Amino acid sequence: MSRNQAIIFISLLAVIIASWCYLYFQHWQMTSLPMSEMWMPPSDTAAWQWMDFWLVYVMWAVMMAAMMLPSAIPMILVYTKICEKRYQTAHPYGFLFALAYLLVWLTFSIALTLLQWQLHGLQFLSPMMDVRHEQMAAIIFLLAGVYQFTPQKNNFLQSCRTPMGFLLTEWRENTTGAFRMGLKHGGMCLGCCWAQMFLMFAVGVMNLLGMVFITLLVFIEKIIPGHHQFFSKTIGILFIVWGIWLFQTSS
């Protein structure tokens, strides 16, 4: 690893560690503080204030950074290495690429926030952000499982697995190009993993073990060589079986 790559890697690692620390602190508050001392999202959609939206959005934004940045590190480091050879410095390009990638997930967090707002109103989530309806959770698992077998999932996943292939076909020059490439990669990553992120609604939004489990699944799925489909299909089967089991236990 070169000096430029080390700087980028340490910076990303610091963001990831800080994000997980924040999530652990939030989890600790939800499980340790008395209900009278903690903030909880209102169950009535009409009762939500701007601060409620903001707190939920920050939670999702930090969660996306903690869960998705680890799997993006290989792509960002390869891009930084290429920039070293093309430009005098690689720092601004690598950071812009990473920022644009993260911006995609920060934007997606807005949609997750609005969805959570509606799910509270439908009584699908409790004020503690736990699941109330196992049948709806089962549908989310089935959706995520079926998506694992679709051509769209496979196409997006192959792009995420091959950093050099993506950079050769999507290369853009200068800082503007770095930002556009980061957005492009973030969009492909979103297309690959959006269904897995939705699983947080099925296991409990602040379920720390659920976050770790999904993060590991995403990371392993992306670092496995592109010609191996066994892991992705196995995960799809796992989600489908889990969904069927939830249907049976809730009936």
Protein backbone atom coordinates (compact mmCIF):
# COMPACT_ATOMS: atom_id res chain seq x y z
CA MET A 1 0.00 0.00 0.00
CA SER A 2 1.40 3.38 -1.02
CA ARG A 3 1.44 6.48 1.17
CA ASN A 4 -1.55 7.98 -0.65
CA GLN A 5 -3.51 4.77 -0.32
CA ALA A 6 -2.62 4.55 3.37
CA ILE A 7 -3.92 8.08 3.99
CA ILE A 8 -7.19 7.30 2.20
CA PHE A 9 -7.52 3.95 3.99
CA ILE A 10 -6.90 5.42 7.46
CA SER A 11 -9.37 8.25 6.79
CA LEU A 12 -12.09 5.83 5.67
CA LEU A 13 -11.35 3.54 8.61
CA ALA A 14 -11.74 6.48 10.99
CA VAL A 15 -15.16 7.30 9.50
CA ILE A 16 -16.22 3.65 9.76
CA ILE A 17 -15.09 3.31 13.38
CA ALA A 18 -16.74 6.58 14.36
CA SER A 19 -19.97 5.47 12.67
CA TRP A 20 -20.02 2.14 14.49
CA CYS A 21 -19.30 3.88 17.79
CA TYR A 22 -22.28 6.17 17.21
CA LEU A 23 -24.52 3.21 16.37
CA TYR A 24 -23.35 1.34 19.47
CA PHE A 25 -24.10 4.43 21.58
CA GLN A 26 -27.59 4.67 20.07
CA HIS A 27 -28.15 0.96 20.69
CA TRP A 28 -26.99 1.37 24.29
CA GLN A 29 -29.41 4.24 24.82
CA MET A 30 -32.33 2.21 23.41
CA THR A 31 -31.56 -0.80 25.61
CA SER A 32 -30.31 0.82 28.83
CA LEU A 33 -31.99 4.15 29.46
CA PRO A 34 -35.46 4.40 31.04
CA MET A 35 -38.15 5.12 28.46
CA SER A 36 -38.80 8.49 30.10
CA GLU A 37 -35.23 9.61 29.34
CA MET A 38 -34.88 8.48 25.73
CA TRP A 39 -36.12 9.87 22.45
CA MET A 40 -38.44 7.64 20.43
CA PRO A 41 -40.07 8.27 17.03
CA PRO A 42 -43.79 9.12 17.37
CA SER A 43 -46.23 6.38 16.35
CA ASP A 44 -48.58 8.91 14.76
CA THR A 45 -47.22 10.30 11.48
CA ALA A 46 -48.95 13.62 12.13
CA ALA A 47 -47.01 13.98 15.39
CA TRP A 48 -43.59 13.93 13.74
CA GLN A 49 -41.63 17.17 14.03
CA TRP A 50 -38.66 18.29 11.97
CA MET A 51 -36.34 17.15 14.78
CA ASP A 52 -37.81 13.64 14.62
CA PHE A 53 -37.12 13.46 10.89
CA TRP A 54 -33.60 14.79 11.42
CA LEU A 55 -32.74 12.30 14.19
CA VAL A 56 -34.04 9.35 12.15
CA TYR A 57 -32.17 10.59 9.06
CA VAL A 58 -28.89 10.93 10.97
CA MET A 59 -29.35 7.40 12.31
CA TRP A 60 -29.83 5.99 8.80
CA ALA A 61 -27.03 8.09 7.28
CA VAL A 62 -24.53 6.93 9.89
CA MET A 63 -25.78 3.35 9.46
CA MET A 64 -25.20 3.49 5.70
CA ALA A 65 -21.67 4.82 6.21
CA ALA A 66 -20.87 2.11 8.76
CA MET A 67 -22.33 -0.73 6.70
CA MET A 68 -21.39 0.25 3.12
CA LEU A 69 -18.01 2.01 3.30
CA PRO A 70 -16.08 -1.17 4.24
CA SER A 71 -17.11 -2.89 1.00
CA ALA A 72 -16.15 0.19 -1.05
CA ILE A 73 -12.57 0.39 0.25
CA PRO A 74 -11.05 -1.96 -2.40
CA MET A 75 -12.51 0.12 -5.25
CA ILE A 76 -11.41 3.42 -3.68
CA LEU A 77 -7.85 2.16 -3.09
CA VAL A 78 -7.49 0.90 -6.66
CA TYR A 79 -8.77 4.24 -7.96
CA THR A 80 -6.29 6.09 -5.72
CA LYS A 81 -3.42 3.96 -7.07
CA ILE A 82 -4.33 4.79 -10.66
CA CYS A 83 -4.56 8.50 -9.80
CA GLU A 84 -1.03 8.35 -8.38
CA LYS A 85 0.26 7.39 -11.81
CA ARG A 86 -1.83 9.94 -13.74
CA TYR A 87 -1.66 13.01 -11.48
CA GLN A 88 0.90 14.55 -9.17
CA THR A 89 -1.30 13.93 -6.14
CA ALA A 90 -4.02 11.39 -5.48
CA HIS A 91 -5.60 12.82 -2.31
CA PRO A 92 -8.30 15.10 -3.78
CA TYR A 93 -9.35 12.50 -6.33
CA GLY A 94 -9.60 9.64 -3.86
CA PHE A 95 -11.50 11.71 -1.31
CA LEU A 96 -13.89 13.09 -3.94
CA PHE A 97 -14.57 9.58 -5.21
CA ALA A 98 -15.31 8.37 -1.67
CA LEU A 99 -17.45 11.44 -0.90
CA ALA A 100 -19.56 10.96 -4.02
CA TYR A 101 -19.97 7.26 -3.24
CA LEU A 102 -21.13 8.10 0.28
CA LEU A 103 -23.42 10.85 -1.04
CA VAL A 104 -25.47 8.23 -2.89
CA TRP A 105 -26.13 6.40 0.38
CA LEU A 106 -26.81 9.62 2.24
CA THR A 107 -29.46 10.43 -0.36
CA PHE A 108 -30.88 6.92 -0.05
CA SER A 109 -31.13 7.56 3.70
CA ILE A 110 -33.77 10.19 2.96
CA ALA A 111 -35.96 7.52 1.36
CA LEU A 112 -35.35 5.19 4.32
CA THR A 113 -36.32 7.97 6.73
CA LEU A 114 -39.59 8.65 4.90
CA LEU A 115 -40.34 4.93 4.75
CA GLN A 116 -39.75 4.55 8.48
CA TRP A 117 -42.08 7.50 9.10
CA GLN A 118 -44.84 5.69 7.24
CA LEU A 119 -44.11 2.33 8.87
CA HIS A 120 -44.53 3.89 12.31
CA GLY A 121 -47.88 5.28 11.18
CA LEU A 122 -48.94 1.83 9.95
CA GLN A 123 -47.92 0.36 13.35
CA PHE A 124 -45.39 -1.90 11.63
CA LEU A 125 -42.63 -0.50 13.86
CA SER A 126 -42.88 0.10 17.59
CA PRO A 127 -41.63 3.34 19.22
CA MET A 128 -38.47 1.33 20.03
CA MET A 129 -38.18 0.67 16.26
CA ASP A 130 -38.77 -3.07 16.69
CA VAL A 131 -40.89 -5.14 14.30
CA ARG A 132 -44.56 -5.55 15.24
CA HIS A 133 -45.87 -7.55 12.25
CA GLU A 134 -43.91 -10.69 11.40
CA GLN A 135 -45.85 -11.20 8.15
CA MET A 136 -44.59 -7.88 6.79
CA ALA A 137 -41.09 -8.80 7.95
CA ALA A 138 -41.47 -12.10 6.09
CA ILE A 139 -42.38 -10.24 2.90
CA ILE A 140 -39.22 -8.13 3.19
CA PHE A 141 -37.08 -11.26 3.60
CA LEU A 142 -38.75 -12.89 0.60
CA LEU A 143 -38.21 -9.75 -1.48
CA ALA A 144 -34.53 -9.63 -0.55
CA GLY A 145 -34.16 -13.35 -1.25
CA VAL A 146 -35.80 -13.25 -4.67
CA TYR A 147 -33.73 -10.19 -5.65
CA GLN A 148 -30.55 -12.23 -5.10
CA PHE A 149 -31.49 -14.33 -8.14
CA THR A 150 -32.36 -11.50 -10.55
CA PRO A 151 -30.14 -10.45 -13.50
CA GLN A 152 -30.14 -6.87 -12.18
CA LYS A 153 -28.61 -7.96 -8.88
CA ASN A 154 -25.96 -10.00 -10.69
CA ASN A 155 -25.04 -7.18 -13.07
CA PHE A 156 -24.64 -4.62 -10.29
CA LEU A 157 -22.70 -7.10 -8.16
CA GLN A 158 -20.25 -7.91 -10.96
CA SER A 159 -19.47 -4.19 -11.35
CA CYS A 160 -18.78 -3.91 -7.62
CA ARG A 161 -16.56 -7.01 -7.65
CA THR A 162 -14.23 -5.86 -10.43
CA PRO A 163 -12.62 -2.50 -9.56
CA MET A 164 -10.34 -2.48 -12.62
CA GLY A 165 -13.18 -3.35 -14.96
CA PHE A 166 -15.30 -0.52 -13.60
CA LEU A 167 -12.46 2.02 -13.72
CA LEU A 168 -11.47 1.10 -17.28
CA THR A 169 -15.02 1.44 -18.63
CA GLU A 170 -16.16 4.40 -16.51
CA TRP A 171 -12.98 6.48 -16.29
CA ARG A 172 -13.41 10.28 -16.24
CA GLU A 173 -10.59 12.80 -15.93
CA ASN A 174 -9.94 15.44 -13.26
CA THR A 175 -11.79 16.15 -10.02
CA THR A 176 -15.16 16.42 -11.75
CA GLY A 177 -14.58 12.99 -13.21
CA ALA A 178 -13.62 11.62 -9.80
CA PHE A 179 -16.91 12.84 -8.36
CA ARG A 180 -18.93 11.47 -11.27
CA MET A 181 -17.20 8.10 -11.02
CA GLY A 182 -17.92 7.97 -7.29
CA LEU A 183 -21.58 8.67 -7.96
CA LYS A 184 -21.64 5.98 -10.63
CA HIS A 185 -20.08 3.39 -8.37
CA GLY A 186 -22.38 4.40 -5.52
CA GLY A 187 -25.38 3.97 -7.81
CA MET A 188 -24.24 0.49 -8.82
CA CYS A 189 -23.64 -0.41 -5.21
CA LEU A 190 -27.11 0.86 -4.30
CA GLY A 191 -28.60 -1.25 -7.07
CA CYS A 192 -26.77 -4.25 -5.65
CA CYS A 193 -27.55 -3.84 -1.95
CA TRP A 194 -30.78 -1.84 -1.49
CA ALA A 195 -32.84 -4.95 -0.67
CA GLN A 196 -30.34 -6.03 1.97
CA MET A 197 -30.58 -2.60 3.60
CA PHE A 198 -34.37 -2.96 3.74
CA LEU A 199 -33.83 -6.01 5.95
CA MET A 200 -33.15 -3.66 8.85
CA PHE A 201 -36.88 -2.96 8.92
CA ALA A 202 -37.49 -6.71 9.26
CA VAL A 203 -35.00 -7.40 12.06
CA GLY A 204 -35.43 -4.12 13.97
CA VAL A 205 -33.98 -0.81 12.90
CA MET A 206 -31.56 -0.55 15.84
CA ASN A 207 -30.66 -4.25 15.91
CA LEU A 208 -26.88 -4.06 16.22
CA LEU A 209 -26.34 -7.74 15.45
CA GLY A 210 -28.50 -7.31 12.35
CA MET A 211 -26.29 -4.44 11.19
CA VAL A 212 -23.12 -6.49 11.69
CA PHE A 213 -24.64 -9.52 9.92
CA ILE A 214 -25.74 -7.55 6.85
CA THR A 215 -22.41 -5.67 6.72
CA LEU A 216 -20.51 -8.96 6.65
CA LEU A 217 -22.82 -10.37 3.97
CA VAL A 218 -22.31 -7.31 1.75
CA PHE A 219 -18.54 -7.31 2.26
CA ILE A 220 -18.06 -11.03 1.61
CA GLU A 221 -20.37 -10.95 -1.40
CA LYS A 222 -18.28 -8.21 -3.01
CA ILE A 223 -14.81 -9.62 -2.41
CA ILE A 224 -15.61 -13.11 -3.72
CA PRO A 225 -14.33 -13.52 -7.33
CA GLY A 226 -16.91 -12.63 -9.95
CA HIS A 227 -17.31 -16.11 -11.42
CA HIS A 228 -18.45 -17.54 -8.07
CA GLN A 229 -22.23 -17.24 -7.63
CA PHE A 230 -22.62 -19.82 -4.86
CA PHE A 231 -22.47 -17.38 -1.96
CA SER A 232 -25.03 -14.94 -3.41
CA LYS A 233 -27.45 -17.73 -4.26
CA THR A 234 -26.99 -19.28 -0.82
CA ILE A 235 -27.82 -15.96 0.81
CA GLY A 236 -30.90 -15.69 -1.39
CA ILE A 237 -32.07 -19.14 -0.29
CA LEU A 238 -31.39 -18.21 3.35
CA PHE A 239 -33.54 -15.09 3.07
CA ILE A 240 -36.38 -16.98 1.36
CA VAL A 241 -36.34 -19.76 3.97
CA TRP A 242 -36.25 -17.16 6.73
CA GLY A 243 -39.25 -15.41 5.19
CA ILE A 244 -41.22 -18.65 4.89
CA TRP A 245 -40.41 -19.49 8.51
CA LEU A 246 -41.68 -16.09 9.65
CA PHE A 247 -44.92 -16.64 7.73
CA GLN A 248 -45.41 -20.00 9.40
CA THR A 249 -44.68 -18.74 12.92
CA SER A 250 -47.01 -15.74 12.53
CA SER A 251 -49.97 -17.71 11.18
